[in-house]
Amino acid sequence: MTETRTVTTESTTTTLLELRAVRAAYDAITVLHGVDLTVAAGRVLALLGPNGAGKTTALRVAAGIHPIASGELLLGGRVMSGAGPRDLARAGVCLIPEGRGVFPNLTVRDNLWMMTCTGRPRAEIEEIAFARFPILKRRAEQIAGTMSGGEQQMLALARGLATDPAVLLLDELSMGLAPLVVGQLYEEVAEIARRGVAVLIVEQFAAAALDIADRAAVLVRGRIAAQGDPDRLRDELAAHYLGSAP
């Protein structure tokens, strides 16, 4: 656990993302049953739970990709329920999906240049990306799909940061990566949060996420089973995953 994970500026008290009593379904099957979550500026919330708990659906709701059956999605205190992914992206929400979401047949530079759709010039996008992840500068002309999984995840994060997000949503950042690489990526995520971004991390494998999280929540069968201090939930996590927690 890092000593620097809690930011004590005034901005950290500002709730940027809130799911309020959110229910969501796929056809007739309800997946989220009245989920409440809040993420403040400069803070990291780790959303944990077993496979099939509804974690990715919660992220998709927050990004406007999946509709809300009932409840509310708020961004900066403004109700955004029903807004589409493009509108939420323009409002500052950035989703890094499971599987990294880079274009494997394009070079690293071409992947970055595609983010000029945000209105930022190429030079500025490259400056941000290469300052955050220097290895991407060395790989600029390399085909993205030939890089390691960790490097591709860095590229996905760099692309997301090009949008200058207020809210960053991360789905299974550690998927298929070595523990050392995961630790390095999460150090970058912690730094992103320290700059005032609200970060919501979905992870099945909890250790790295809990190390940088300010708060954690456990989602089980579409309901929040526990929420609070990461260190306390770390001790209780196995019981929640196995269904034996009270």
C-alpha atoms as a PDB file:
ATOM      1  CA  MET A   1       0.000   0.000   0.000  1.00  0.00           C
ATOM      2  CA  THR A   2       1.324   3.440  -0.872  1.00  0.00           C
ATOM      3  CA  GLU A   3       1.455   6.329   1.523  1.00  0.00           C
ATOM      4  CA  THR A   4       0.574   8.805  -1.240  1.00  0.00           C
ATOM      5  CA  ARG A   5      -2.712   7.355  -2.364  1.00  0.00           C
ATOM      6  CA  THR A   6      -4.866   9.867  -0.441  1.00  0.00           C
ATOM      7  CA  VAL A   7      -4.938  13.350  -1.913  1.00  0.00           C
ATOM      8  CA  THR A   8      -5.861  16.079   0.540  1.00  0.00           C
ATOM      9  CA  THR A   9      -6.748  18.925  -1.782  1.00  0.00           C
ATOM     10  CA  GLU A  10     -10.195  20.463  -1.899  1.00  0.00           C
ATOM     11  CA  SER A  11     -10.911  18.866  -5.280  1.00  0.00           C
ATOM     12  CA  THR A  12     -10.871  15.379  -3.781  1.00  0.00           C
ATOM     13  CA  THR A  13     -14.163  16.096  -2.020  1.00  0.00           C
ATOM     14  CA  THR A  14     -15.906  16.736  -5.341  1.00  0.00           C
ATOM     15  CA  THR A  15     -17.883  13.729  -6.529  1.00  0.00           C
ATOM     16  CA  LEU A  16     -17.396  13.407 -10.273  1.00  0.00           C
ATOM     17  CA  LEU A  17     -19.076  10.067 -10.957  1.00  0.00           C
ATOM     18  CA  GLU A  18     -22.089   8.608  -9.191  1.00  0.00           C
ATOM     19  CA  LEU A  19     -24.284   5.590  -9.807  1.00  0.00           C
ATOM     20  CA  ARG A  20     -27.434   5.967  -7.741  1.00  0.00           C
ATOM     21  CA  ALA A  21     -29.691   2.913  -7.218  1.00  0.00           C
ATOM     22  CA  VAL A  22     -28.805   1.707 -10.707  1.00  0.00           C
ATOM     23  CA  ARG A  23     -30.519  -1.338 -12.143  1.00  0.00           C
ATOM     24  CA  ALA A  24     -29.466  -2.765 -15.496  1.00  0.00           C
ATOM     25  CA  ALA A  25     -30.500  -5.832 -17.453  1.00  0.00           C
ATOM     26  CA  TYR A  26     -29.807  -7.922 -20.514  1.00  0.00           C
ATOM     27  CA  ASP A  27     -33.218  -8.713 -21.972  1.00  0.00           C
ATOM     28  CA  ALA A  28     -35.206 -10.199 -19.065  1.00  0.00           C
ATOM     29  CA  ILE A  29     -32.165 -10.913 -16.880  1.00  0.00           C
ATOM     30  CA  THR A  30     -31.388  -8.212 -14.325  1.00  0.00           C
ATOM     31  CA  VAL A  31     -27.629  -7.883 -13.797  1.00  0.00           C
ATOM     32  CA  LEU A  32     -27.372  -4.855 -11.500  1.00  0.00           C
ATOM     33  CA  HIS A  33     -29.801  -4.619  -8.586  1.00  0.00           C
ATOM     34  CA  GLY A  34     -29.801  -1.063  -7.231  1.00  0.00           C
ATOM     35  CA  VAL A  35     -26.049  -0.330  -7.284  1.00  0.00           C
ATOM     36  CA  ASP A  36     -24.751   2.795  -5.503  1.00  0.00           C
ATOM     37  CA  LEU A  37     -21.200   3.973  -6.240  1.00  0.00           C
ATOM     38  CA  THR A  38     -19.412   7.313  -5.992  1.00  0.00           C
ATOM     39  CA  VAL A  39     -15.952   8.361  -7.169  1.00  0.00           C
ATOM     40  CA  ALA A  40     -14.452  11.728  -6.252  1.00  0.00           C
ATOM     41  CA  ALA A  41     -11.884  13.777  -8.133  1.00  0.00           C
ATOM     42  CA  GLY A  42      -8.376  12.624  -7.338  1.00  0.00           C
ATOM     43  CA  ARG A  43      -9.559   9.324  -5.857  1.00  0.00           C
ATOM     44  CA  VAL A  44      -9.444   5.688  -6.923  1.00  0.00           C
ATOM     45  CA  LEU A  45     -12.346   3.300  -6.336  1.00  0.00           C
ATOM     46  CA  ALA A  46     -11.639  -0.398  -6.894  1.00  0.00           C
ATOM     47  CA  LEU A  47     -14.728  -2.383  -7.874  1.00  0.00           C
ATOM     48  CA  LEU A  48     -14.040  -6.031  -7.141  1.00  0.00           C
ATOM     49  CA  GLY A  49     -15.939  -9.281  -7.310  1.00  0.00           C
ATOM     50  CA  PRO A  50     -16.092 -12.725  -8.891  1.00  0.00           C
ATOM     51  CA  ASN A  51     -16.800 -13.460 -12.539  1.00  0.00           C
ATOM     52  CA  GLY A  52     -20.382 -12.684 -13.501  1.00  0.00           C
ATOM     53  CA  ALA A  53     -20.930 -10.254 -10.639  1.00  0.00           C
ATOM     54  CA  GLY A  54     -21.834  -7.361 -12.968  1.00  0.00           C
ATOM     55  CA  LYS A  55     -18.607  -5.362 -12.712  1.00  0.00           C
ATOM     56  CA  THR A  56     -18.156  -4.762 -16.428  1.00  0.00           C
ATOM     57  CA  THR A  57     -21.841  -3.914 -16.788  1.00  0.00           C
ATOM     58  CA  ALA A  58     -21.395  -1.216 -14.126  1.00  0.00           C
ATOM     59  CA  LEU A  59     -18.532   0.269 -16.158  1.00  0.00           C
ATOM     60  CA  ARG A  60     -20.558   0.096 -19.359  1.00  0.00           C
ATOM     61  CA  VAL A  61     -23.404   1.935 -17.634  1.00  0.00           C
ATOM     62  CA  ALA A  62     -20.966   4.604 -16.416  1.00  0.00           C
ATOM     63  CA  ALA A  63     -19.649   5.023 -19.978  1.00  0.00           C
ATOM     64  CA  GLY A  64     -23.132   5.204 -21.509  1.00  0.00           C
ATOM     65  CA  ILE A  65     -22.671   1.969 -23.464  1.00  0.00           C
ATOM     66  CA  HIS A  66     -25.334  -0.001 -21.591  1.00  0.00           C
ATOM     67  CA  PRO A  67     -28.760   1.489 -20.755  1.00  0.00           C
ATOM     68  CA  ILE A  68     -30.042   1.996 -17.227  1.00  0.00           C
ATOM     69  CA  ALA A  69     -33.298   0.225 -16.433  1.00  0.00           C
ATOM     70  CA  SER A  70     -33.833   2.457 -13.395  1.00  0.00           C
ATOM     71  CA  GLY A  71     -31.798   4.697 -11.138  1.00  0.00           C
ATOM     72  CA  GLU A  72     -29.501   7.552 -12.123  1.00  0.00           C
ATOM     73  CA  LEU A  73     -26.060   8.194 -13.556  1.00  0.00           C
ATOM     74  CA  LEU A  74     -24.576  11.516 -12.460  1.00  0.00           C
ATOM     75  CA  LEU A  75     -21.458  13.251 -13.721  1.00  0.00           C
ATOM     76  CA  GLY A  76     -20.239  16.185 -11.692  1.00  0.00           C
ATOM     77  CA  GLY A  77     -23.630  16.296  -9.965  1.00  0.00           C
ATOM     78  CA  ARG A  78     -25.510  16.500 -13.271  1.00  0.00           C
ATOM     79  CA  VAL A  79     -27.948  13.721 -14.148  1.00  0.00           C
ATOM     80  CA  MET A  80     -26.693  12.028 -17.325  1.00  0.00           C
ATOM     81  CA  SER A  81     -28.976   8.996 -17.378  1.00  0.00           C
ATOM     82  CA  GLY A  82     -29.737   8.099 -20.982  1.00  0.00           C
ATOM     83  CA  ALA A  83     -26.738   9.972 -22.399  1.00  0.00           C
ATOM     84  CA  GLY A  84     -24.859   8.060 -25.077  1.00  0.00           C
ATOM     85  CA  PRO A  85     -21.168   7.160 -24.998  1.00  0.00           C
ATOM     86  CA  ARG A  86     -20.203  10.024 -27.310  1.00  0.00           C
ATOM     87  CA  ASP A  87     -21.887  12.611 -25.083  1.00  0.00           C
ATOM     88  CA  LEU A  88     -20.304  11.153 -21.947  1.00  0.00           C
ATOM     89  CA  ALA A  89     -16.896  11.044 -23.627  1.00  0.00           C
ATOM     90  CA  ARG A  90     -17.257  14.718 -24.511  1.00  0.00           C
ATOM     91  CA  ALA A  91     -18.178  15.378 -20.888  1.00  0.00           C
ATOM     92  CA  GLY A  92     -14.924  13.772 -19.731  1.00  0.00           C
ATOM     93  CA  VAL A  93     -15.582  10.047 -19.305  1.00  0.00           C
ATOM     94  CA  CYS A  94     -12.947   7.698 -20.730  1.00  0.00           C
ATOM     95  CA  LEU A  95     -13.323   3.903 -20.778  1.00  0.00           C
ATOM     96  CA  ILE A  96     -10.314   1.615 -21.282  1.00  0.00           C
ATOM     97  CA  PRO A  97     -12.052  -1.699 -22.007  1.00  0.00           C
ATOM     98  CA  GLU A  98     -10.862  -5.205 -21.280  1.00  0.00           C
ATOM     99  CA  GLY A  99      -8.641  -6.330 -24.138  1.00  0.00           C
ATOM    100  CA  ARG A 100      -6.852  -2.959 -24.365  1.00  0.00           C
ATOM    101  CA  GLY A 101      -8.733  -1.552 -27.350  1.00  0.00           C
ATOM    102  CA  VAL A 102      -5.758  -0.592 -29.525  1.00  0.00           C
ATOM    103  CA  PHE A 103      -5.619  -1.041 -33.287  1.00  0.00           C
ATOM    104  CA  PRO A 104      -3.145  -3.935 -33.655  1.00  0.00           C
ATOM    105  CA  ASN A 105      -2.444  -3.427 -37.377  1.00  0.00           C
ATOM    106  CA  LEU A 106      -1.495   0.236 -36.986  1.00  0.00           C
ATOM    107  CA  THR A 107       1.744   1.672 -35.640  1.00  0.00           C
ATOM    108  CA  VAL A 108       1.939   3.168 -32.184  1.00  0.00           C
ATOM    109  CA  ARG A 109       2.100   6.642 -33.713  1.00  0.00           C
ATOM    110  CA  ASP A 110      -0.953   5.996 -35.889  1.00  0.00           C
ATOM    111  CA  ASN A 111      -2.870   4.746 -32.861  1.00  0.00           C
ATOM    112  CA  LEU A 112      -2.058   7.979 -31.061  1.00  0.00           C
ATOM    113  CA  TRP A 113      -2.859  10.178 -34.054  1.00  0.00           C
ATOM    114  CA  MET A 114      -6.354   8.730 -34.208  1.00  0.00           C
ATOM    115  CA  MET A 115      -7.037  10.675 -31.016  1.00  0.00           C
ATOM    116  CA  THR A 116      -6.879  13.949 -32.946  1.00  0.00           C
ATOM    117  CA  CYS A 117     -10.648  13.451 -33.090  1.00  0.00           C
ATOM    118  CA  THR A 118     -10.642  14.992 -29.606  1.00  0.00           C
ATOM    119  CA  GLY A 119      -9.429  18.279 -31.098  1.00  0.00           C
ATOM    120  CA  ARG A 120      -5.882  18.019 -29.798  1.00  0.00           C
ATOM    121  CA  PRO A 121      -3.039  18.383 -32.327  1.00  0.00           C
ATOM    122  CA  ARG A 122      -0.783  15.441 -33.084  1.00  0.00           C
ATOM    123  CA  ALA A 123       2.252  17.010 -31.463  1.00  0.00           C
ATOM    124  CA  GLU A 124       0.446  17.575 -28.177  1.00  0.00           C
ATOM    125  CA  ILE A 125      -0.946  14.024 -28.126  1.00  0.00           C
ATOM    126  CA  GLU A 126       2.519  12.598 -28.724  1.00  0.00           C
ATOM    127  CA  GLU A 127       4.051  14.862 -26.086  1.00  0.00           C
ATOM    128  CA  ILE A 128       1.559  13.662 -23.456  1.00  0.00           C
ATOM    129  CA  ALA A 129       1.916   9.993 -24.408  1.00  0.00           C
ATOM    130  CA  PHE A 130       5.700   9.913 -24.653  1.00  0.00           C
ATOM    131  CA  ALA A 131       6.191  11.855 -21.432  1.00  0.00           C
ATOM    132  CA  ARG A 132       3.973   9.397 -19.546  1.00  0.00           C
ATOM    133  CA  PHE A 133       5.276   6.251 -21.272  1.00  0.00           C
ATOM    134  CA  PRO A 134       8.779   6.847 -22.734  1.00  0.00           C
ATOM    135  CA  ILE A 135       8.897   3.325 -24.187  1.00  0.00           C
ATOM    136  CA  LEU A 136       6.125   4.314 -26.605  1.00  0.00           C
ATOM    137  CA  LYS A 137       8.452   6.904 -28.149  1.00  0.00           C
ATOM    138  CA  ARG A 138      10.973   4.146 -28.843  1.00  0.00           C
ATOM    139  CA  ARG A 139       8.165   2.020 -30.304  1.00  0.00           C
ATOM    140  CA  ALA A 140       6.538   4.844 -32.279  1.00  0.00           C
ATOM    141  CA  GLU A 141       6.931   3.178 -35.694  1.00  0.00           C
ATOM    142  CA  GLN A 142       6.278  -0.356 -34.434  1.00  0.00           C
ATOM    143  CA  ILE A 143       3.039  -2.166 -35.284  1.00  0.00           C
ATOM    144  CA  ALA A 144       1.029  -2.107 -32.058  1.00  0.00           C
ATOM    145  CA  GLY A 145       0.018  -5.759 -32.269  1.00  0.00           C
ATOM    146  CA  THR A 146       3.653  -6.869 -32.165  1.00  0.00           C
ATOM    147  CA  MET A 147       4.323  -5.204 -28.805  1.00  0.00           C
ATOM    148  CA  SER A 148       4.094  -6.955 -25.462  1.00  0.00           C
ATOM    149  CA  GLY A 149       0.780  -6.998 -23.616  1.00  0.00           C
ATOM    150  CA  GLY A 150       2.054  -4.480 -21.106  1.00  0.00           C
ATOM    151  CA  GLU A 151       3.205  -2.095 -23.825  1.00  0.00           C
ATOM    152  CA  GLN A 152      -0.166  -2.371 -25.554  1.00  0.00           C
ATOM    153  CA  GLN A 153      -1.871  -1.539 -22.262  1.00  0.00           C
ATOM    154  CA  MET A 154       0.382   1.506 -21.913  1.00  0.00           C
ATOM    155  CA  LEU A 155      -0.675   2.561 -25.417  1.00  0.00           C
ATOM    156  CA  ALA A 156      -4.336   2.131 -24.482  1.00  0.00           C
ATOM    157  CA  LEU A 157      -3.827   4.328 -21.410  1.00  0.00           C
ATOM    158  CA  ALA A 158      -1.919   6.914 -23.448  1.00  0.00           C
ATOM    159  CA  ARG A 159      -4.750   7.058 -25.982  1.00  0.00           C
ATOM    160  CA  GLY A 160      -7.252   7.538 -23.185  1.00  0.00           C
ATOM    161  CA  LEU A 161      -5.236  10.309 -21.552  1.00  0.00           C
ATOM    162  CA  ALA A 162      -5.203  12.168 -24.862  1.00  0.00           C
ATOM    163  CA  THR A 163      -8.861  12.961 -24.204  1.00  0.00           C
ATOM    164  CA  ASP A 164      -7.897  14.761 -20.962  1.00  0.00           C
ATOM    165  CA  PRO A 165     -10.526  12.783 -19.011  1.00  0.00           C
ATOM    166  CA  ALA A 166     -12.165  13.835 -15.773  1.00  0.00           C
ATOM    167  CA  VAL A 167     -13.271  10.238 -15.134  1.00  0.00           C
ATOM    168  CA  LEU A 168     -11.173   7.204 -16.087  1.00  0.00           C
ATOM    169  CA  LEU A 169     -12.830   3.761 -16.210  1.00  0.00           C
ATOM    170  CA  LEU A 170     -10.487   0.755 -16.329  1.00  0.00           C
ATOM    171  CA  ASP A 171     -11.687  -2.783 -17.017  1.00  0.00           C
ATOM    172  CA  GLU A 172      -9.342  -5.612 -15.978  1.00  0.00           C
ATOM    173  CA  LEU A 173      -6.119  -3.650 -16.467  1.00  0.00           C
ATOM    174  CA  SER A 174      -4.088  -6.639 -15.237  1.00  0.00           C
ATOM    175  CA  MET A 175      -5.560  -9.167 -17.664  1.00  0.00           C
ATOM    176  CA  GLY A 176      -2.819 -11.469 -18.985  1.00  0.00           C
ATOM    177  CA  LEU A 177       0.056  -9.360 -17.676  1.00  0.00           C
ATOM    178  CA  ALA A 178       3.009 -10.240 -15.448  1.00  0.00           C
ATOM    179  CA  PRO A 179       2.802  -8.945 -11.853  1.00  0.00           C
ATOM    180  CA  LEU A 180       5.779  -6.594 -12.355  1.00  0.00           C
ATOM    181  CA  VAL A 181       4.119  -4.975 -15.377  1.00  0.00           C
ATOM    182  CA  VAL A 182       0.808  -4.713 -13.515  1.00  0.00           C
ATOM    183  CA  GLY A 183       2.559  -2.907 -10.667  1.00  0.00           C
ATOM    184  CA  GLN A 184       4.114  -0.418 -13.074  1.00  0.00           C
ATOM    185  CA  LEU A 185       0.782   0.277 -14.766  1.00  0.00           C
ATOM    186  CA  TYR A 186      -0.960   0.839 -11.467  1.00  0.00           C
ATOM    187  CA  GLU A 187       1.746   3.267 -10.391  1.00  0.00           C
ATOM    188  CA  GLU A 188       0.820   5.285 -13.482  1.00  0.00           C
ATOM    189  CA  VAL A 189      -2.883   5.032 -12.625  1.00  0.00           C
ATOM    190  CA  ALA A 190      -2.160   6.340  -9.121  1.00  0.00           C
ATOM    191  CA  GLU A 191      -0.293   9.300 -10.615  1.00  0.00           C
ATOM    192  CA  ILE A 192      -3.213   9.998 -12.958  1.00  0.00           C
ATOM    193  CA  ALA A 193      -5.526  10.131  -9.951  1.00  0.00           C
ATOM    194  CA  ARG A 194      -3.169  12.441  -8.089  1.00  0.00           C
ATOM    195  CA  ARG A 195      -3.662  14.922 -10.928  1.00  0.00           C
ATOM    196  CA  GLY A 196      -7.356  15.154 -10.089  1.00  0.00           C
ATOM    197  CA  VAL A 197      -8.905  12.429 -12.246  1.00  0.00           C
ATOM    198  CA  ALA A 198     -11.620  10.224 -10.708  1.00  0.00           C
ATOM    199  CA  VAL A 199     -10.642   6.597 -11.381  1.00  0.00           C
ATOM    200  CA  LEU A 200     -12.935   3.572 -11.249  1.00  0.00           C
ATOM    201  CA  ILE A 201     -11.090   0.266 -11.605  1.00  0.00           C
ATOM    202  CA  VAL A 202     -12.814  -3.051 -12.224  1.00  0.00           C
ATOM    203  CA  GLU A 203     -10.639  -6.013 -11.286  1.00  0.00           C
ATOM    204  CA  GLN A 204     -11.160  -9.672 -10.540  1.00  0.00           C
ATOM    205  CA  PHE A 205      -7.620  -9.995  -9.171  1.00  0.00           C
ATOM    206  CA  ALA A 206      -7.630  -7.461  -6.424  1.00  0.00           C
ATOM    207  CA  ALA A 207      -4.168  -7.055  -4.886  1.00  0.00           C
ATOM    208  CA  ALA A 208      -2.682  -4.411  -7.203  1.00  0.00           C
ATOM    209  CA  ALA A 209      -5.890  -2.373  -7.376  1.00  0.00           C
ATOM    210  CA  LEU A 210      -6.270  -2.353  -3.593  1.00  0.00           C
ATOM    211  CA  ASP A 211      -2.713  -1.079  -3.209  1.00  0.00           C
ATOM    212  CA  ILE A 212      -3.593   2.234  -4.880  1.00  0.00           C
ATOM    213  CA  ALA A 213      -7.313   2.488  -4.062  1.00  0.00           C
ATOM    214  CA  ASP A 214      -8.745   5.041  -1.647  1.00  0.00           C
ATOM    215  CA  ARG A 215     -11.957   3.023  -1.387  1.00  0.00           C
ATOM    216  CA  ALA A 216     -13.086  -0.377  -2.535  1.00  0.00           C
ATOM    217  CA  ALA A 217     -16.423  -2.026  -3.198  1.00  0.00           C
ATOM    218  CA  VAL A 218     -17.282  -5.692  -3.668  1.00  0.00           C
ATOM    219  CA  LEU A 219     -20.006  -6.549  -6.166  1.00  0.00           C
ATOM    220  CA  VAL A 220     -21.619  -9.970  -5.789  1.00  0.00           C
ATOM    221  CA  ARG A 221     -24.527 -11.128  -7.965  1.00  0.00           C
ATOM    222  CA  GLY A 222     -25.273  -7.556  -9.003  1.00  0.00           C
ATOM    223  CA  ARG A 223     -25.376  -6.078  -5.506  1.00  0.00           C
ATOM    224  CA  ILE A 224     -22.808  -4.196  -3.457  1.00  0.00           C
ATOM    225  CA  ALA A 225     -21.877  -6.704  -0.754  1.00  0.00           C
ATOM    226  CA  ALA A 226     -19.357  -4.455   0.994  1.00  0.00           C
ATOM    227  CA  GLN A 227     -17.796  -1.023   0.549  1.00  0.00           C
ATOM    228  CA  GLY A 228     -15.187   0.925   2.477  1.00  0.00           C
ATOM    229  CA  ASP A 229     -11.517   0.960   3.411  1.00  0.00           C
ATOM    230  CA  PRO A 230      -9.369  -1.163   1.057  1.00  0.00           C
ATOM    231  CA  ASP A 231      -7.332  -2.685   3.879  1.00  0.00           C
ATOM    232  CA  ARG A 232     -10.443  -3.877   5.695  1.00  0.00           C
ATOM    233  CA  LEU A 233     -11.977  -5.293   2.538  1.00  0.00           C
ATOM    234  CA  ARG A 234      -8.731  -7.028   1.629  1.00  0.00           C
ATOM    235  CA  ASP A 235      -9.147  -9.213   4.714  1.00  0.00           C
ATOM    236  CA  GLU A 236     -12.806  -9.945   3.916  1.00  0.00           C
ATOM    237  CA  LEU A 237     -12.495 -10.432   0.181  1.00  0.00           C
ATOM    238  CA  ALA A 238     -12.141 -14.205   0.055  1.00  0.00           C
ATOM    239  CA  ALA A 239     -15.298 -14.656   2.091  1.00  0.00           C
ATOM    240  CA  HIS A 240     -17.255 -12.387  -0.270  1.00  0.00           C
ATOM    241  CA  TYR A 241     -15.938 -14.209  -3.338  1.00  0.00           C
ATOM    242  CA  LEU A 242     -16.851 -17.544  -1.841  1.00  0.00           C
ATOM    243  CA  GLY A 243     -20.260 -16.342  -0.713  1.00  0.00           C
ATOM    244  CA  SER A 244     -19.676 -16.918   2.996  1.00  0.00           C
ATOM    245  CA  ALA A 245     -19.558 -13.307   4.145  1.00  0.00           C
ATOM    246  CA  PRO A 246     -22.463 -12.102   6.274  1.00  0.00           C
END
